[in-house]
Protein backbone atom coordinates (compact mmCIF):
# COMPACT_ATOMS: atom_id res chain seq x y z
CA MET A 1 -42.98 -33.67 -12.38
CA ASP A 2 -40.82 -31.39 -14.53
CA LEU A 3 -37.17 -31.48 -13.40
CA LEU A 4 -36.73 -27.90 -14.64
CA VAL A 5 -38.84 -26.83 -11.67
CA ILE A 6 -36.28 -28.34 -9.28
CA LYS A 7 -33.39 -26.82 -11.23
CA ASN A 8 -34.94 -23.36 -11.13
CA ILE A 9 -35.67 -23.55 -7.41
CA VAL A 10 -32.13 -24.57 -6.42
CA SER A 11 -30.72 -21.97 -8.81
CA ASN A 12 -32.85 -19.21 -7.31
CA ILE A 13 -31.83 -20.08 -3.74
CA ASN A 14 -28.17 -20.67 -4.56
CA SER A 15 -26.88 -17.35 -3.19
CA GLU A 16 -28.55 -18.08 0.15
CA LEU A 17 -27.13 -21.61 0.18
CA ILE A 18 -23.62 -20.26 -0.40
CA LYS A 19 -24.16 -17.91 2.54
CA VAL A 20 -25.22 -20.90 4.68
CA ARG A 21 -22.24 -22.95 3.59
CA ARG A 22 -19.79 -20.19 4.42
CA GLN A 23 -21.31 -19.67 7.84
CA ILE A 24 -21.01 -23.38 8.60
CA HIS A 25 -17.46 -23.50 7.23
CA ALA A 26 -16.36 -20.52 9.30
CA ASN A 27 -17.82 -22.03 12.48
CA PRO A 28 -16.90 -25.74 12.39
CA GLU A 29 -17.74 -28.00 15.31
CA LEU A 30 -16.28 -31.37 16.25
CA SER A 31 -18.23 -34.62 16.39
CA PHE A 32 -21.19 -34.58 18.80
CA GLN A 33 -20.56 -30.88 19.52
CA GLU A 34 -22.56 -29.45 16.57
CA VAL A 35 -24.59 -26.98 18.64
CA ASP A 36 -24.43 -23.91 16.39
CA THR A 37 -24.66 -25.94 13.18
CA SER A 38 -27.86 -27.51 14.48
CA LYS A 39 -29.23 -24.08 15.42
CA LEU A 40 -28.55 -22.76 11.92
CA ILE A 41 -30.31 -25.72 10.31
CA LYS A 42 -33.33 -25.24 12.56
CA PHE A 43 -33.40 -21.51 11.78
CA TYR A 44 -33.87 -22.21 8.08
CA LEU A 45 -36.36 -25.03 8.62
CA ASP A 46 -38.42 -22.70 10.82
CA LEU A 47 -38.12 -19.92 8.23
CA TRP A 48 -39.41 -22.21 5.50
CA GLY A 49 -42.13 -23.81 7.64
CA VAL A 50 -40.68 -27.32 7.48
CA GLU A 51 -41.57 -29.64 10.37
CA TYR A 52 -38.76 -31.38 12.26
CA SER A 53 -37.64 -32.76 15.59
CA SER A 54 -34.27 -32.18 17.22
CA GLY A 55 -32.07 -33.73 19.90
CA TRP A 56 -31.20 -36.85 17.90
CA ALA A 57 -27.85 -38.02 19.29
CA GLU A 58 -27.99 -34.65 21.08
CA HIS A 59 -27.66 -32.33 18.09
CA GLY A 60 -29.22 -34.18 15.15
CA VAL A 61 -32.23 -32.79 13.30
CA VAL A 62 -34.79 -35.05 11.60
CA GLY A 63 -37.99 -34.17 9.78
CA LEU A 64 -40.59 -35.15 7.21
CA ILE A 65 -41.94 -33.63 4.02
CA LYS A 66 -45.09 -35.28 2.67
CA GLY A 67 -46.00 -35.01 -1.00
CA THR A 68 -49.70 -34.45 -1.61
CA ALA A 69 -50.09 -34.93 -5.38
CA TYR A 70 -51.18 -38.56 -5.00
CA GLU A 71 -51.23 -41.39 -2.45
CA ASN A 72 -47.90 -43.12 -1.97
CA SER A 73 -46.82 -45.09 1.09
CA LYS A 74 -43.11 -45.06 0.24
CA VAL A 75 -40.62 -43.28 2.52
CA ILE A 76 -37.22 -42.16 1.25
CA ALA A 77 -34.57 -40.77 3.63
CA LEU A 78 -31.94 -38.17 2.77
CA ARG A 79 -28.93 -37.85 5.08
CA ALA A 80 -26.17 -35.29 5.57
CA ASP A 81 -23.44 -35.26 8.24
CA MET A 82 -22.61 -32.06 10.11
CA ASP A 83 -19.33 -32.47 12.01
CA ALA A 84 -15.85 -31.15 11.30
CA LEU A 85 -12.33 -32.44 11.93
CA PRO A 86 -9.56 -31.53 14.42
CA ILE A 87 -7.43 -29.84 11.72
CA GLN A 88 -6.05 -26.30 11.58
CA GLU A 89 -7.19 -24.74 8.30
CA GLU A 90 -4.44 -23.32 6.08
CA ASN A 91 -6.60 -21.84 3.32
CA ASP A 92 -6.68 -18.09 2.75
CA LEU A 93 -10.45 -17.59 2.58
CA GLU A 94 -12.66 -14.79 3.82
CA PHE A 95 -14.77 -17.44 5.54
CA LYS A 96 -11.93 -19.68 6.79
CA SER A 97 -12.43 -21.43 10.11
CA LYS A 98 -12.66 -19.15 13.13
CA ASN A 99 -12.27 -22.09 15.53
CA ALA A 100 -8.63 -22.91 16.24
CA GLY A 101 -7.70 -26.45 15.32
CA ILE A 102 -11.08 -27.29 13.77
CA MET A 103 -11.93 -27.37 10.08
CA HIS A 104 -14.52 -28.67 7.65
CA ALA A 105 -11.84 -30.65 5.85
CA CYS A 106 -14.16 -33.42 4.67
CA GLY A 107 -16.91 -31.38 3.05
CA HIS A 108 -19.64 -31.90 5.61
CA ASP A 109 -20.48 -28.20 5.33
CA ILE A 110 -21.28 -28.87 1.67
CA HIS A 111 -23.29 -31.99 2.53
CA THR A 112 -25.41 -30.08 5.04
CA THR A 113 -25.92 -27.18 2.64
CA CYS A 114 -26.96 -29.46 -0.23
CA LEU A 115 -29.51 -31.21 1.98
CA LEU A 116 -30.95 -27.86 3.03
CA GLY A 117 -31.26 -26.91 -0.63
CA ALA A 118 -32.98 -30.21 -1.43
CA ILE A 119 -35.40 -29.75 1.47
CA TYR A 120 -36.34 -26.28 0.23
CA ALA A 121 -36.99 -27.62 -3.29
CA LEU A 122 -38.99 -30.58 -2.01
CA HIS A 123 -41.04 -28.40 0.33
CA GLN A 124 -41.82 -25.95 -2.47
CA THR A 125 -42.97 -28.73 -4.81
CA LYS A 126 -44.74 -31.09 -2.40
CA ASP A 127 -48.03 -30.63 -4.29
CA GLN A 128 -46.36 -32.12 -7.39
CA TRP A 129 -45.25 -35.50 -6.04
CA GLY A 130 -46.52 -38.19 -3.65
CA GLY A 131 -44.92 -40.02 -0.75
CA THR A 132 -42.76 -39.05 2.22
CA ILE A 133 -39.23 -37.70 2.37
CA LYS A 134 -37.46 -38.05 5.71
CA PHE A 135 -34.41 -35.83 6.11
CA ILE A 136 -31.60 -36.55 8.55
CA PHE A 137 -28.95 -34.06 9.66
CA GLN A 138 -26.57 -36.38 11.48
CA PRO A 139 -23.92 -35.52 14.08
CA GLY A 140 -20.68 -37.37 14.70
CA GLU A 141 -19.75 -39.13 11.46
CA GLU A 142 -16.02 -38.67 12.11
CA GLN A 143 -15.90 -40.24 15.57
CA LEU A 144 -16.64 -43.81 16.58
CA PRO A 145 -19.15 -45.26 17.20
CA GLY A 146 -20.56 -42.76 14.69
CA GLY A 147 -23.77 -40.82 14.82
CA ALA A 148 -25.52 -43.15 12.38
CA SER A 149 -25.47 -46.10 14.79
CA ILE A 150 -26.85 -43.92 17.58
CA LEU A 151 -29.63 -42.50 15.41
CA ILE A 152 -30.58 -45.98 14.24
CA GLN A 153 -30.84 -47.10 17.88
CA GLU A 154 -33.01 -44.05 18.54
CA GLY A 155 -35.37 -45.13 15.74
CA VAL A 156 -34.48 -42.74 12.93
CA LEU A 157 -35.37 -45.33 10.28
CA LYS A 158 -38.78 -46.01 11.81
CA ASN A 159 -42.01 -44.05 12.40
CA PRO A 160 -42.44 -43.99 9.44
CA GLU A 161 -40.30 -46.89 8.32
CA VAL A 162 -37.78 -45.96 5.64
CA ASP A 163 -37.77 -47.89 2.34
CA ALA A 164 -34.43 -46.55 1.10
CA ILE A 165 -31.83 -43.95 2.03
CA LEU A 166 -29.70 -41.61 -0.08
CA GLY A 167 -26.59 -39.61 0.79
CA LEU A 168 -23.74 -37.79 -0.93
CA HIS A 169 -20.07 -37.01 -0.40
CA VAL A 170 -17.79 -34.44 -1.99
CA GLN A 171 -15.16 -35.72 -4.42
CA PRO A 172 -12.23 -33.31 -4.95
CA ASP A 173 -10.72 -35.22 -7.89
CA MET A 174 -13.95 -34.95 -9.90
CA ALA A 175 -14.88 -31.89 -11.93
CA VAL A 176 -17.72 -29.65 -10.86
CA GLY A 177 -20.75 -30.82 -12.79
CA GLN A 178 -19.84 -34.49 -12.49
CA ILE A 179 -21.44 -36.97 -10.14
CA GLY A 180 -20.47 -40.59 -9.67
CA ILE A 181 -21.39 -43.85 -8.02
CA CYS A 182 -19.85 -47.24 -7.27
CA GLU A 183 -22.29 -50.16 -7.24
CA GLY A 184 -21.99 -52.81 -4.54
CA SER A 185 -19.11 -52.64 -2.03
CA SER A 186 -18.01 -49.03 -2.44
CA MET A 187 -16.18 -48.01 0.74
CA GLY A 188 -14.07 -49.95 3.20
CA SER A 189 -14.66 -51.19 6.69
CA SER A 190 -12.41 -49.60 9.31
CA GLU A 191 -10.70 -50.73 12.47
CA GLU A 192 -8.45 -48.73 14.78
CA ILE A 193 -5.43 -50.56 16.21
CA PHE A 194 -3.80 -49.49 19.49
CA ILE A 195 -0.70 -51.32 20.74
CA GLU A 196 1.18 -50.49 23.94
CA LEU A 197 4.59 -52.08 24.46
CA THR A 198 6.22 -52.06 27.90
CA SER A 199 9.46 -53.25 29.45
CA SER A 200 11.70 -52.16 32.31
CA GLY A 201 13.66 -49.87 29.99
CA GLY A 202 17.37 -49.36 30.36
CA HIS A 203 20.74 -48.33 28.96
CA ALA A 204 21.09 -48.54 25.18
CA ALA A 205 24.61 -49.95 25.61
CA MET A 206 23.23 -52.90 27.58
CA PRO A 207 20.12 -54.06 25.68
CA HIS A 208 20.54 -57.60 27.01
CA LEU A 209 19.44 -56.34 30.42
CA THR A 210 16.04 -55.02 29.28
CA GLY A 211 13.34 -55.60 26.72
CA ASP A 212 14.01 -53.41 23.67
CA THR A 213 10.68 -51.73 23.00
CA VAL A 214 12.00 -49.79 19.99
CA LEU A 215 13.31 -52.84 18.13
CA THR A 216 10.15 -54.73 19.05
CA ALA A 217 7.97 -51.93 17.69
CA ALA A 218 9.89 -52.01 14.41
CA ARG A 219 9.55 -55.78 14.15
CA LEU A 220 5.84 -55.55 14.94
CA ILE A 221 5.05 -52.93 12.32
CA CYS A 222 6.88 -54.89 9.62
CA GLY A 223 5.54 -58.20 10.91
CA ILE A 224 1.92 -57.09 10.86
CA GLN A 225 2.34 -56.03 7.24
CA GLU A 226 3.75 -59.50 6.48
CA LEU A 227 0.89 -61.21 8.33
CA TRP A 228 -1.63 -59.13 6.41
CA SER A 229 -0.03 -59.86 3.03
CA ARG A 230 0.20 -63.63 3.63
CA ILE A 231 -3.37 -64.25 4.81
CA LYS A 232 -5.09 -61.76 2.50
CA PRO A 233 -6.62 -63.18 -0.69
CA PRO A 234 -4.68 -61.47 -3.49
CA LEU A 235 -7.73 -59.88 -5.11
CA VAL A 236 -9.25 -58.45 -1.93
CA PRO A 237 -8.82 -54.65 -1.58
CA SER A 238 -7.38 -53.97 1.86
CA VAL A 239 -4.70 -51.94 3.63
CA VAL A 240 -2.98 -51.77 7.03
CA SER A 241 -1.28 -48.48 7.89
CA PHE A 242 0.35 -47.17 11.05
CA GLY A 243 0.19 -43.44 11.61
CA LYS A 244 1.57 -42.90 15.09
CA ILE A 245 4.49 -44.14 17.20
CA GLN A 246 5.18 -42.46 20.51
CA THR A 247 7.63 -43.18 23.32
CA GLU A 248 7.58 -42.29 26.96
CA GLY A 249 11.17 -41.27 27.64
CA GLY A 250 14.01 -42.55 25.51
CA ALA A 251 17.15 -40.91 24.15
CA THR A 252 20.19 -41.85 22.06
CA ASN A 253 21.41 -43.92 24.99
CA VAL A 254 18.10 -44.82 26.67
CA ILE A 255 15.75 -47.64 25.68
CA PRO A 256 12.29 -46.39 26.69
CA GLY A 257 10.08 -48.43 28.95
CA LYS A 258 6.91 -47.72 26.96
CA ILE A 259 5.97 -47.23 23.31
CA SER A 260 2.50 -46.77 21.87
CA ILE A 261 1.65 -47.59 18.25
CA GLU A 262 -1.57 -46.60 16.49
CA GLY A 263 -2.85 -47.64 13.10
CA THR A 264 -5.82 -48.57 10.96
CA PHE A 265 -7.04 -51.60 9.05
CA ARG A 266 -9.34 -51.13 6.04
CA CYS A 267 -11.01 -53.79 3.94
CA LEU A 268 -13.75 -54.37 1.35
CA ASP A 269 -14.33 -58.03 2.24
CA PRO A 270 -16.22 -58.82 5.48
CA GLU A 271 -14.83 -62.37 5.65
CA PHE A 272 -11.19 -61.27 5.46
CA ARG A 273 -11.96 -58.44 7.86
CA GLU A 274 -12.91 -60.98 10.54
CA LYS A 275 -9.99 -63.29 9.72
CA PHE A 276 -7.38 -60.55 10.09
CA CYS A 277 -8.88 -59.17 13.30
CA GLU A 278 -8.90 -62.65 14.84
CA ALA A 279 -5.27 -63.28 13.85
CA LEU A 280 -3.83 -59.92 14.90
CA ILE A 281 -3.63 -60.09 18.71
CA PRO A 282 -2.19 -63.66 18.89
CA PHE A 283 0.41 -62.62 16.30
CA ILE A 284 1.40 -59.55 18.33
CA ASP A 285 1.67 -61.53 21.56
CA SER A 286 3.86 -64.22 19.99
CA THR A 287 6.08 -61.65 18.26
CA VAL A 288 6.94 -59.60 21.35
CA LEU A 289 7.51 -62.54 23.70
CA PRO A 290 11.14 -63.37 22.69
CA PHE A 291 12.14 -59.73 23.17
CA GLY A 292 11.15 -59.58 26.83
CA VAL A 293 8.44 -57.04 26.06
CA LYS A 294 4.77 -57.08 27.04
CA ALA A 295 2.04 -55.98 24.65
CA GLU A 296 -1.45 -54.71 25.34
CA THR A 297 -3.49 -54.52 22.16
CA LYS A 298 -6.90 -53.01 21.54
CA VAL A 299 -8.70 -53.31 18.22
CA VAL A 300 -11.60 -50.88 18.06
CA ARG A 301 -14.13 -52.16 15.56
CA GLY A 302 -15.27 -49.38 13.28
CA TYR A 303 -17.66 -48.92 10.38
CA PRO A 304 -18.62 -51.84 8.13
CA VAL A 305 -18.21 -51.99 4.36
CA LEU A 306 -20.52 -49.47 2.69
CA TYR A 307 -22.70 -51.44 0.30
CA ASN A 308 -24.47 -49.51 -2.43
CA ASN A 309 -27.63 -51.43 -3.32
CA VAL A 310 -27.09 -52.36 -6.97
CA ASN A 311 -30.69 -51.84 -8.09
CA LEU A 312 -30.90 -48.52 -6.23
CA ALA A 313 -27.59 -47.36 -7.76
CA LYS A 314 -28.88 -48.13 -11.27
CA ILE A 315 -32.10 -46.18 -10.63
CA TRP A 316 -30.04 -43.29 -9.26
CA SER A 317 -27.85 -43.29 -12.37
CA GLU A 318 -30.91 -43.16 -14.65
CA LEU A 319 -32.42 -40.30 -12.65
CA SER A 320 -29.11 -38.43 -12.60
CA ILE A 321 -28.69 -38.78 -16.35
CA GLN A 322 -32.17 -37.31 -16.73
CA TYR A 323 -31.12 -34.39 -14.55
CA THR A 324 -27.74 -33.83 -16.22
CA ASP A 325 -26.52 -35.92 -19.18
CA ASN A 326 -24.62 -39.13 -19.90
CA GLU A 327 -21.19 -37.51 -19.65
CA SER A 328 -21.87 -36.00 -16.23
CA VAL A 329 -22.70 -39.30 -14.49
CA VAL A 330 -19.66 -41.54 -14.07
CA SER A 331 -18.90 -44.94 -12.60
CA ILE A 332 -16.23 -44.70 -9.91
CA PRO A 333 -14.05 -47.40 -8.32
CA PRO A 334 -14.37 -48.52 -4.70
CA ARG A 335 -12.16 -46.86 -2.11
CA LEU A 336 -10.86 -47.83 1.33
CA THR A 337 -11.91 -44.68 3.13
CA ALA A 338 -14.75 -45.41 5.55
CA GLU A 339 -18.15 -43.83 6.18
CA ASP A 340 -20.73 -44.42 8.88
CA PHE A 341 -23.46 -44.12 6.21
CA ALA A 342 -22.61 -47.84 5.94
CA ARG A 343 -24.62 -48.35 9.14
CA TYR A 344 -27.81 -47.28 7.38
CA ALA A 345 -26.95 -49.59 4.47
CA GLU A 346 -26.93 -52.53 6.88
CA VAL A 347 -30.60 -51.87 7.70
CA VAL A 348 -32.24 -50.53 4.52
CA PRO A 349 -31.32 -50.35 0.81
CA ALA A 350 -28.86 -47.47 0.47
CA CYS A 351 -27.33 -45.29 -2.22
CA PHE A 352 -24.29 -43.10 -1.60
CA PHE A 353 -23.00 -40.98 -4.47
CA ARG A 354 -20.10 -38.61 -5.10
CA LEU A 355 -20.40 -34.93 -5.94
CA GLY A 356 -17.54 -33.44 -7.95
CA THR A 357 -16.15 -30.34 -6.24
CA GLY A 358 -13.13 -29.60 -8.44
CA PRO A 359 -9.33 -29.65 -8.03
CA SER A 360 -8.10 -29.54 -4.43
CA ALA A 361 -5.86 -31.10 -1.86
CA ASN A 362 -7.49 -34.29 -0.66
CA VAL A 363 -10.09 -34.49 2.09
CA HIS A 364 -8.70 -34.39 5.65
CA SER A 365 -6.04 -31.95 4.46
CA PRO A 366 -5.64 -28.45 5.96
CA LYS A 367 -5.69 -27.12 2.38
CA PHE A 368 -8.85 -28.91 1.26
CA ILE A 369 -11.22 -26.60 -0.64
CA VAL A 370 -14.37 -26.98 -2.71
CA ASP A 371 -15.85 -25.12 -5.64
CA GLU A 372 -19.21 -23.82 -4.39
CA ALA A 373 -20.60 -24.10 -7.94
CA ALA A 374 -21.23 -27.76 -7.03
CA ILE A 375 -23.93 -26.85 -4.49
CA PRO A 376 -26.91 -26.43 -6.88
CA LEU A 377 -26.19 -29.81 -8.49
CA GLY A 378 -25.85 -31.53 -5.13
CA SER A 379 -29.13 -30.04 -3.91
CA GLY A 380 -30.95 -30.77 -7.15
CA ILE A 381 -29.79 -34.36 -7.49
CA LEU A 382 -30.79 -35.11 -3.89
CA ALA A 383 -34.27 -33.70 -4.48
CA TRP A 384 -34.79 -35.21 -7.94
CA SER A 385 -33.46 -38.62 -6.86
CA ALA A 386 -35.70 -38.67 -3.78
CA ILE A 387 -38.79 -38.00 -5.90
CA GLY A 388 -37.70 -40.64 -8.40
CA PHE A 389 -37.04 -43.20 -5.67
CA LEU A 390 -40.57 -42.67 -4.36
CA LYS A 391 -41.87 -43.86 -7.73
CA ASN A 392 -39.39 -46.66 -8.45
CA VAL A 393 -38.17 -48.25 -5.20
């Protein structure tokens, strides 16, 4: 199949895709609440005559496009996430978020739009390739347990059984026109840590009469960093960060009776991930004991390490170079942000690439923006890669 056909199709529909993206961006919805986003996706699929089913994890949309040029039993899945974040947008855009405190600050509006563009191109060219493309519009990537795990339980990778899956993510520190991939372990696992410290509380001038929750919290935060640094193999990428400390009561002369601490643990090594999680609660309990403070700790296990199948990543790079050129396809380092696309990668060979969207504040920022010129490339690479995977996987 001639890749110029795909390029022309996504170019011709680009103005409509920008319209779609802006509508999604202006009407963001939180995880597992993507009602209107799902309706918009179904509107376009109905308009184009693409078959699908809905109701996956409540608002997910899944469908199939079958190529008719020749017999091919392979099935390749394409996935995009749909949910937004609880962030108040600070950008001055005509299509800025209309929903107070909610924003597409992680680019999922771009992901959804690019998948729609790829579906249109694949549907228009289905007489020029063979095999089956399964598309997945997934809810709830930003909230544990993550929509991917729910969809997998509901059978999204079966009937027909998927041979490989492909997804993309915006990359604000990459130029528009560039795409990149990290082979092997590419994104970190994630755990959420919740610690609640309690004591009787009391007068700050008489700390000997109560457990000092504030001092204990300080010792814990520093101590956990020390624990992490001493049991972590030096060459293992990992981080522990605490983002929230909150007291109930307290003043300059009052030691509060309760403090909550919240943080995250990220890692690229599954073995160290388990070792640290096993060591954390006993360390916390032993640290607080001498201070007359009680600790209740909850470690919420999150997404696993996202593993990019090495062979699949190499095939993707070759296909992407065909579509663009050598300079446009770059190798990128692993990162400790987490993604529930990793759940799919635990079940089938997976490939997750980065789409350059130009200079911006980072993702999860109220000032995050994207250059919409990236949309045709994202759509085209998804479509071209899916067709290539059908031949080579």
